[in-house]
Protein backbone atom coordinates (compact mmCIF):
# COMPACT_ATOMS: atom_id res chain seq x y z
CA MET A 1 14.56 -31.78 -13.52
CA LYS A 2 15.04 -31.27 -9.77
CA THR A 3 12.47 -32.48 -7.55
CA TYR A 4 12.30 -31.31 -3.88
CA ASN A 5 10.43 -32.09 -0.31
CA ILE A 6 9.00 -29.09 0.95
CA GLU A 7 8.29 -29.45 4.89
CA VAL A 8 6.07 -26.22 6.34
CA GLN A 9 7.44 -25.61 9.74
CA ARG A 10 5.49 -22.28 10.62
CA LEU A 11 3.32 -20.32 9.05
CA LYS A 12 4.03 -16.69 9.67
CA ALA A 13 1.63 -14.17 7.56
CA MET A 14 -0.63 -13.88 4.75
CA ARG A 15 -1.66 -10.53 2.54
CA HIS A 16 -2.85 -10.14 -0.75
CA ASP A 17 -1.38 -7.27 -2.90
CA LYS A 18 -2.93 -6.50 -6.57
CA GLY A 19 -4.22 -10.18 -7.45
CA VAL A 20 -1.40 -11.74 -5.80
CA ILE A 21 -1.57 -13.49 -2.29
CA GLU A 22 1.66 -13.99 -0.59
CA ILE A 23 2.37 -16.43 2.19
CA GLY A 24 5.33 -15.85 5.05
CA LEU A 25 6.39 -19.29 6.23
CA ASP A 26 9.54 -21.07 7.35
CA VAL A 27 9.92 -23.97 5.24
CA LEU A 28 12.78 -26.80 5.05
CA VAL A 29 13.58 -27.50 1.57
CA LEU A 30 15.49 -30.66 0.67
CA PRO A 31 16.31 -32.25 -2.62
CA ARG A 32 14.27 -35.47 -3.34
CA PRO A 33 16.86 -38.02 -4.64
CA ALA A 34 15.35 -39.32 -8.31
CA ARG A 35 13.83 -42.68 -8.36
CA ASP A 36 12.92 -44.98 -11.61
CA ASP A 37 9.67 -45.74 -10.19
CA GLN A 38 8.27 -42.31 -9.41
CA ALA A 39 7.17 -39.45 -11.40
CA ASP A 40 9.43 -36.43 -10.99
CA THR A 41 7.27 -34.06 -9.03
CA THR A 42 7.61 -31.65 -5.75
CA SER A 43 6.00 -32.65 -2.63
CA LEU A 44 4.80 -30.30 0.04
CA ARG A 45 4.24 -31.36 3.41
CA LEU A 46 2.40 -29.79 6.21
CA PRO A 47 1.31 -30.87 9.77
CA VAL A 48 -2.63 -30.95 9.81
CA ASP A 49 -2.86 -27.69 12.48
CA HIS A 50 -0.92 -25.81 9.75
CA ALA A 51 -3.17 -27.07 6.77
CA ARG A 52 -6.23 -26.27 8.63
CA ALA A 53 -4.65 -22.65 9.66
CA LEU A 54 -3.76 -22.22 5.96
CA LEU A 55 -7.24 -23.29 4.89
CA ILE A 56 -8.91 -20.63 7.18
CA LEU A 57 -6.29 -17.81 5.98
CA LEU A 58 -7.00 -18.69 2.49
CA LYS A 59 -10.62 -18.18 3.16
CA GLN A 60 -10.25 -14.78 4.80
CA GLN A 61 -8.06 -13.60 1.99
CA PHE A 62 -10.48 -14.85 -0.71
CA ALA A 63 -13.56 -13.16 1.14
CA GLU A 64 -11.38 -9.79 1.25
CA LEU A 65 -10.75 -10.10 -2.51
CA ASP A 66 -14.31 -10.55 -3.23
CA LYS A 67 -15.65 -7.42 -1.47
CA LEU A 68 -13.33 -5.46 -3.67
CA GLN A 69 -15.12 -7.04 -6.56
CA PRO A 70 -18.06 -4.80 -8.12
CA ARG A 71 -21.43 -6.12 -6.97
CA SER A 72 -22.04 -7.15 -10.54
CA ARG A 73 -18.87 -9.43 -10.63
CA ARG A 74 -19.77 -11.23 -7.09
CA SER A 75 -22.34 -13.68 -8.61
CA GLY A 76 -19.77 -15.82 -10.07
CA ARG A 77 -20.79 -15.03 -13.72
CA CYS A 78 -18.47 -12.93 -15.90
């Protein structure tokens, strides 16, 4: 299994279409050398400012998606 370090350098855009949220961003992807003492996982690194912006953008996208749901489905019970 290949593992990677992914560093977010810039958030560019975010949109949703047909149940999928698409995020445009600039990233640096580097292969991570395999180590015996660590589990094989891919790591995502982003600065705190980008993490805060991403959180705000995701909240906005979810709010827009919730508006599209019929009133009977907005309560959280399906």
